[in-house]
Amino acid sequence: MPKLRRSLVASLASTLAVASFAAVAQTAPAVPPPAAPAKHSCVKPGDFPGRLASENLTRGWIRSVNGYLECLKKYIGEQQAAAKPYQEAARVYVDAANAAIEEFNTSAKEFKDQQEAAAPR
């Protein structure tokens, strides 16, 4: 009989966890799926011209490098700003899942303790 109880408790606990996740999925705020981000259009400069290159060539290369890095920073900022609403929406799901996991663990321990307390010795 204890094996039957144990399997019933496990079945009940997993059913509760699935129901919790289903309820969360229905009540979470709707955020449309993101579009695939476009690749950046920053142009990567070539290799350093070398120490024997003219000063003008070296300065031009440095400007190209700085422009490239600024372009990447701008792209990164745009992508982070675009991701922010999705991160906030995902946080709702993560928090709900973590709460359900905590409830699952607490309930499973509680059910196990009750079953062990009731078991014949």
N, C-alpha and C. Protein backbone atom coordinates (compact mmCIF):
# COMPACT_ATOMS: atom_id res chain seq x y z
N MET A 1 0.80 -1.21 0.00
CA MET A 1 0.00 0.00 0.00
C MET A 1 0.85 1.27 0.00
N PRO A 2 1.96 1.32 0.73
CA PRO A 2 2.77 2.54 0.71
C PRO A 2 3.28 2.88 -0.70
N LYS A 3 3.59 1.86 -1.50
CA LYS A 3 4.04 2.13 -2.87
C LYS A 3 2.94 2.79 -3.68
N LEU A 4 1.72 2.34 -3.49
CA LEU A 4 0.58 2.92 -4.20
C LEU A 4 0.39 4.37 -3.77
N ARG A 5 0.47 4.63 -2.48
CA ARG A 5 0.35 6.01 -1.98
C ARG A 5 1.45 6.89 -2.55
N ARG A 6 2.65 6.37 -2.54
CA ARG A 6 3.79 7.15 -3.04
C ARG A 6 3.58 7.52 -4.50
N SER A 7 3.11 6.58 -5.30
CA SER A 7 2.89 6.88 -6.72
C SER A 7 1.72 7.85 -6.90
N LEU A 8 0.69 7.72 -6.05
CA LEU A 8 -0.43 8.66 -6.11
C LEU A 8 0.04 10.07 -5.75
N VAL A 9 0.86 10.17 -4.73
CA VAL A 9 1.37 11.48 -4.31
C VAL A 9 2.21 12.09 -5.43
N ALA A 10 3.09 11.30 -6.02
CA ALA A 10 3.93 11.79 -7.10
C ALA A 10 3.07 12.21 -8.29
N SER A 11 2.06 11.42 -8.61
CA SER A 11 1.17 11.75 -9.72
C SER A 11 0.40 13.03 -9.45
N LEU A 12 -0.11 13.17 -8.23
CA LEU A 12 -0.85 14.37 -7.86
C LEU A 12 0.05 15.60 -7.91
N ALA A 13 1.25 15.48 -7.39
CA ALA A 13 2.18 16.61 -7.38
C ALA A 13 2.55 17.03 -8.80
N SER A 14 2.81 16.07 -9.68
CA SER A 14 3.16 16.44 -11.05
C SER A 14 1.97 17.05 -11.78
N THR A 15 0.77 16.56 -11.49
CA THR A 15 -0.44 17.14 -12.09
C THR A 15 -0.62 18.58 -11.64
N LEU A 16 -0.40 18.84 -10.35
CA LEU A 16 -0.50 20.20 -9.83
C LEU A 16 0.53 21.12 -10.48
N ALA A 17 1.73 20.62 -10.66
CA ALA A 17 2.78 21.45 -11.28
C ALA A 17 2.41 21.79 -12.71
N VAL A 18 1.91 20.81 -13.47
CA VAL A 18 1.52 21.07 -14.86
C VAL A 18 0.36 22.06 -14.90
N ALA A 19 -0.60 21.91 -13.99
CA ALA A 19 -1.73 22.82 -13.95
C ALA A 19 -1.27 24.23 -13.61
N SER A 20 -0.30 24.35 -12.71
CA SER A 20 0.23 25.67 -12.36
C SER A 20 0.87 26.33 -13.56
N PHE A 21 1.67 25.57 -14.30
CA PHE A 21 2.32 26.13 -15.49
C PHE A 21 1.29 26.51 -16.55
N ALA A 22 0.25 25.72 -16.71
CA ALA A 22 -0.79 26.02 -17.70
C ALA A 22 -1.53 27.29 -17.30
N ALA A 23 -1.80 27.46 -16.02
CA ALA A 23 -2.49 28.67 -15.56
C ALA A 23 -1.63 29.90 -15.79
N VAL A 24 -0.34 29.78 -15.55
CA VAL A 24 0.57 30.91 -15.77
C VAL A 24 0.60 31.27 -17.25
N ALA A 25 0.64 30.28 -18.10
CA ALA A 25 0.72 30.54 -19.53
C ALA A 25 -0.52 31.29 -20.02
N GLN A 26 -1.65 31.06 -19.38
CA GLN A 26 -2.88 31.72 -19.80
C GLN A 26 -2.99 33.14 -19.26
N THR A 27 -2.36 33.44 -18.13
CA THR A 27 -2.54 34.74 -17.51
C THR A 27 -1.38 35.69 -17.74
N ALA A 28 -0.29 35.25 -18.32
CA ALA A 28 0.88 36.11 -18.54
C ALA A 28 0.57 37.13 -19.62
N PRO A 29 1.20 38.30 -19.54
CA PRO A 29 0.95 39.33 -20.53
C PRO A 29 1.40 38.88 -21.93
N ALA A 30 0.63 39.25 -22.92
CA ALA A 30 0.95 38.85 -24.28
C ALA A 30 1.95 39.83 -24.88
N VAL A 31 3.05 39.31 -25.33
CA VAL A 31 4.06 40.10 -26.03
C VAL A 31 4.26 39.42 -27.37
N PRO A 32 4.11 40.16 -28.45
CA PRO A 32 4.27 39.51 -29.75
C PRO A 32 5.69 38.97 -29.92
N PRO A 33 5.83 37.89 -30.65
CA PRO A 33 7.17 37.33 -30.82
C PRO A 33 8.08 38.33 -31.54
N PRO A 34 9.33 38.36 -31.16
CA PRO A 34 10.24 39.31 -31.79
C PRO A 34 10.56 38.91 -33.22
N ALA A 35 10.81 39.92 -34.03
CA ALA A 35 11.27 39.65 -35.39
C ALA A 35 12.75 39.30 -35.31
N ALA A 36 13.21 38.57 -36.27
CA ALA A 36 14.64 38.23 -36.29
C ALA A 36 15.44 39.51 -36.47
N PRO A 37 16.43 39.73 -35.60
CA PRO A 37 17.20 40.97 -35.70
C PRO A 37 18.06 40.99 -36.96
N ALA A 38 18.16 42.18 -37.53
CA ALA A 38 19.02 42.34 -38.70
C ALA A 38 20.47 42.35 -38.24
N LYS A 39 21.34 41.83 -39.06
CA LYS A 39 22.76 41.86 -38.74
C LYS A 39 23.24 43.30 -38.83
N HIS A 40 24.22 43.64 -38.04
CA HIS A 40 24.72 45.02 -38.05
C HIS A 40 25.34 45.34 -39.42
N SER A 41 25.41 46.61 -39.72
CA SER A 41 25.97 47.03 -41.00
C SER A 41 27.34 47.70 -40.82
N CYS A 42 27.96 47.47 -39.68
CA CYS A 42 29.26 48.07 -39.39
C CYS A 42 30.33 47.43 -40.28
N VAL A 43 31.20 48.28 -40.78
CA VAL A 43 32.27 47.79 -41.67
C VAL A 43 33.55 47.65 -40.87
N LYS A 44 34.04 46.42 -40.77
CA LYS A 44 35.25 46.15 -40.00
C LYS A 44 36.47 46.58 -40.81
N PRO A 45 37.33 47.38 -40.19
CA PRO A 45 38.53 47.81 -40.93
C PRO A 45 39.50 46.65 -41.11
N GLY A 46 40.39 46.82 -42.04
CA GLY A 46 41.41 45.80 -42.28
C GLY A 46 42.45 45.79 -41.18
N ASP A 47 43.50 45.04 -41.39
CA ASP A 47 44.56 44.94 -40.40
C ASP A 47 45.31 46.25 -40.26
N PHE A 48 45.95 46.40 -39.11
CA PHE A 48 46.78 47.57 -38.85
C PHE A 48 47.81 47.69 -39.96
N PRO A 49 48.00 48.91 -40.50
CA PRO A 49 48.89 49.06 -41.65
C PRO A 49 50.36 48.81 -41.33
N GLY A 50 50.75 48.72 -40.11
CA GLY A 50 52.14 48.43 -39.75
C GLY A 50 52.88 49.67 -39.30
N ARG A 51 53.99 49.46 -38.64
CA ARG A 51 54.71 50.61 -38.09
C ARG A 51 55.44 51.40 -39.15
N LEU A 52 55.61 50.85 -40.33
CA LEU A 52 56.29 51.58 -41.39
C LEU A 52 55.32 52.38 -42.27
N ALA A 53 54.03 52.30 -41.96
CA ALA A 53 53.01 53.01 -42.75
C ALA A 53 53.10 54.51 -42.47
N SER A 54 52.59 55.29 -43.42
CA SER A 54 52.61 56.74 -43.23
C SER A 54 51.68 57.13 -42.08
N GLU A 55 51.92 58.32 -41.55
CA GLU A 55 51.10 58.81 -40.45
C GLU A 55 49.65 58.98 -40.89
N ASN A 56 49.44 59.44 -42.11
CA ASN A 56 48.07 59.61 -42.62
C ASN A 56 47.34 58.27 -42.72
N LEU A 57 48.03 57.26 -43.18
CA LEU A 57 47.44 55.93 -43.30
C LEU A 57 47.08 55.37 -41.92
N THR A 58 47.99 55.57 -40.97
CA THR A 58 47.74 55.09 -39.60
C THR A 58 46.56 55.83 -38.98
N ARG A 59 46.49 57.17 -39.13
CA ARG A 59 45.37 57.94 -38.58
C ARG A 59 44.05 57.53 -39.24
N GLY A 60 44.08 57.29 -40.52
CA GLY A 60 42.87 56.83 -41.22
C GLY A 60 42.40 55.49 -40.69
N TRP A 61 43.35 54.60 -40.44
CA TRP A 61 43.00 53.29 -39.90
C TRP A 61 42.39 53.44 -38.51
N ILE A 62 42.98 54.30 -37.67
CA ILE A 62 42.46 54.53 -36.32
C ILE A 62 41.05 55.09 -36.39
N ARG A 63 40.79 56.02 -37.30
CA ARG A 63 39.42 56.56 -37.47
C ARG A 63 38.46 55.44 -37.87
N SER A 64 38.92 54.58 -38.76
CA SER A 64 38.07 53.46 -39.19
C SER A 64 37.75 52.53 -38.03
N VAL A 65 38.75 52.24 -37.21
CA VAL A 65 38.56 51.37 -36.05
C VAL A 65 37.57 52.01 -35.09
N ASN A 66 37.76 53.31 -34.78
CA ASN A 66 36.86 54.00 -33.86
C ASN A 66 35.44 54.04 -34.40
N GLY A 67 35.30 54.29 -35.70
CA GLY A 67 33.98 54.30 -36.32
C GLY A 67 33.31 52.94 -36.23
N TYR A 68 34.09 51.90 -36.48
CA TYR A 68 33.58 50.53 -36.41
C TYR A 68 33.10 50.21 -34.99
N LEU A 69 33.91 50.54 -34.00
CA LEU A 69 33.56 50.26 -32.61
C LEU A 69 32.34 51.07 -32.17
N GLU A 70 32.23 52.31 -32.59
CA GLU A 70 31.06 53.14 -32.27
C GLU A 70 29.80 52.55 -32.93
N CYS A 71 29.95 52.11 -34.15
CA CYS A 71 28.83 51.49 -34.86
C CYS A 71 28.35 50.24 -34.10
N LEU A 72 29.30 49.42 -33.64
CA LEU A 72 28.93 48.23 -32.88
C LEU A 72 28.25 48.60 -31.57
N LYS A 73 28.75 49.63 -30.88
CA LYS A 73 28.12 50.07 -29.63
C LYS A 73 26.68 50.50 -29.88
N LYS A 74 26.46 51.24 -30.96
CA LYS A 74 25.11 51.70 -31.29
C LYS A 74 24.20 50.50 -31.57
N TYR A 75 24.70 49.55 -32.35
CA TYR A 75 23.92 48.35 -32.67
C TYR A 75 23.59 47.57 -31.40
N ILE A 76 24.55 47.43 -30.52
CA ILE A 76 24.34 46.71 -29.27
C ILE A 76 23.25 47.40 -28.44
N GLY A 77 23.33 48.72 -28.34
CA GLY A 77 22.32 49.47 -27.60
C GLY A 77 20.94 49.30 -28.19
N GLU A 78 20.83 49.32 -29.51
CA GLU A 78 19.54 49.13 -30.17
C GLU A 78 18.98 47.74 -29.89
N GLN A 79 19.85 46.73 -29.94
CA GLN A 79 19.40 45.35 -29.71
C GLN A 79 18.98 45.16 -28.26
N GLN A 80 19.72 45.76 -27.33
CA GLN A 80 19.35 45.65 -25.92
C GLN A 80 18.02 46.33 -25.66
N ALA A 81 17.81 47.50 -26.28
CA ALA A 81 16.53 48.21 -26.10
C ALA A 81 15.39 47.39 -26.69
N ALA A 82 15.63 46.76 -27.84
CA ALA A 82 14.59 45.94 -28.47
C ALA A 82 14.28 44.69 -27.63
N ALA A 83 15.27 44.17 -26.93
CA ALA A 83 15.09 42.95 -26.14
C ALA A 83 14.42 43.22 -24.80
N LYS A 84 14.49 44.44 -24.32
CA LYS A 84 14.01 44.74 -22.96
C LYS A 84 12.56 44.32 -22.69
N PRO A 85 11.58 44.64 -23.58
CA PRO A 85 10.20 44.22 -23.28
C PRO A 85 10.07 42.70 -23.19
N TYR A 86 10.84 41.98 -23.97
CA TYR A 86 10.76 40.52 -23.95
C TYR A 86 11.38 39.97 -22.68
N GLN A 87 12.46 40.60 -22.22
CA GLN A 87 13.08 40.18 -20.97
C GLN A 87 12.12 40.40 -19.81
N GLU A 88 11.44 41.54 -19.82
CA GLU A 88 10.49 41.82 -18.74
C GLU A 88 9.32 40.85 -18.79
N ALA A 89 8.83 40.53 -19.97
CA ALA A 89 7.73 39.57 -20.09
C ALA A 89 8.19 38.19 -19.66
N ALA A 90 9.41 37.83 -20.02
CA ALA A 90 9.94 36.51 -19.64
C ALA A 90 10.10 36.42 -18.13
N ARG A 91 10.43 37.54 -17.49
CA ARG A 91 10.61 37.54 -16.04
C ARG A 91 9.31 37.09 -15.34
N VAL A 92 8.16 37.46 -15.89
CA VAL A 92 6.88 37.05 -15.33
C VAL A 92 6.77 35.52 -15.35
N TYR A 93 7.15 34.93 -16.47
CA TYR A 93 7.10 33.47 -16.60
C TYR A 93 8.10 32.80 -15.66
N VAL A 94 9.30 33.35 -15.59
CA VAL A 94 10.34 32.77 -14.74
C VAL A 94 9.91 32.83 -13.28
N ASP A 95 9.38 33.99 -12.86
CA ASP A 95 8.92 34.11 -11.48
C ASP A 95 7.78 33.14 -11.18
N ALA A 96 6.85 33.00 -12.11
CA ALA A 96 5.74 32.07 -11.91
C ALA A 96 6.24 30.64 -11.86
N ALA A 97 7.17 30.30 -12.73
CA ALA A 97 7.72 28.94 -12.73
C ALA A 97 8.47 28.67 -11.42
N ASN A 98 9.26 29.65 -10.97
CA ASN A 98 9.99 29.46 -9.72
C ASN A 98 9.04 29.30 -8.53
N ALA A 99 7.96 30.07 -8.52
CA ALA A 99 6.96 29.94 -7.45
C ALA A 99 6.32 28.55 -7.49
N ALA A 100 6.01 28.07 -8.69
CA ALA A 100 5.40 26.74 -8.82
C ALA A 100 6.39 25.65 -8.41
N ILE A 101 7.65 25.83 -8.73
CA ILE A 101 8.68 24.86 -8.33
C ILE A 101 8.79 24.82 -6.81
N GLU A 102 8.80 25.99 -6.21
CA GLU A 102 8.88 26.05 -4.75
C GLU A 102 7.65 25.38 -4.11
N GLU A 103 6.48 25.68 -4.66
CA GLU A 103 5.26 25.05 -4.15
C GLU A 103 5.29 23.54 -4.35
N PHE A 104 5.77 23.11 -5.51
CA PHE A 104 5.88 21.68 -5.80
C PHE A 104 6.79 21.01 -4.78
N ASN A 105 7.97 21.58 -4.56
CA ASN A 105 8.92 20.97 -3.63
C ASN A 105 8.37 20.93 -2.20
N THR A 106 7.76 22.02 -1.78
CA THR A 106 7.17 22.08 -0.44
C THR A 106 6.04 21.07 -0.30
N SER A 107 5.17 21.02 -1.29
CA SER A 107 4.02 20.09 -1.24
C SER A 107 4.48 18.64 -1.29
N ALA A 108 5.45 18.34 -2.15
CA ALA A 108 5.93 16.96 -2.25
C ALA A 108 6.53 16.51 -0.92
N LYS A 109 7.31 17.39 -0.29
CA LYS A 109 7.89 17.06 1.02
C LYS A 109 6.79 16.87 2.06
N GLU A 110 5.80 17.77 2.02
CA GLU A 110 4.69 17.69 2.97
C GLU A 110 3.94 16.37 2.80
N PHE A 111 3.63 15.99 1.56
CA PHE A 111 2.91 14.74 1.30
C PHE A 111 3.74 13.53 1.73
N LYS A 112 5.04 13.59 1.45
CA LYS A 112 5.92 12.48 1.83
C LYS A 112 5.95 12.36 3.35
N ASP A 113 6.09 13.49 4.04
CA ASP A 113 6.12 13.47 5.50
C ASP A 113 4.82 12.93 6.08
N GLN A 114 3.69 13.31 5.49
CA GLN A 114 2.40 12.80 5.96
C GLN A 114 2.30 11.31 5.76
N GLN A 115 2.78 10.85 4.60
CA GLN A 115 2.71 9.42 4.30
C GLN A 115 3.61 8.64 5.26
N GLU A 116 4.82 9.15 5.51
CA GLU A 116 5.73 8.46 6.41
C GLU A 116 5.20 8.45 7.84
N ALA A 117 4.55 9.54 8.24
CA ALA A 117 3.98 9.61 9.59
C ALA A 117 2.85 8.60 9.76
N ALA A 118 2.11 8.34 8.71
CA ALA A 118 0.96 7.44 8.77
C ALA A 118 1.36 5.98 8.55
N ALA A 119 2.59 5.75 8.09
CA ALA A 119 3.01 4.38 7.78
C ALA A 119 3.14 3.57 9.06
N PRO A 120 2.73 2.29 8.99
CA PRO A 120 2.87 1.43 10.17
C PRO A 120 4.34 1.18 10.48
N ARG A 121 4.62 1.08 11.73
CA ARG A 121 6.01 0.86 12.15
C ARG A 121 6.21 -0.50 12.67
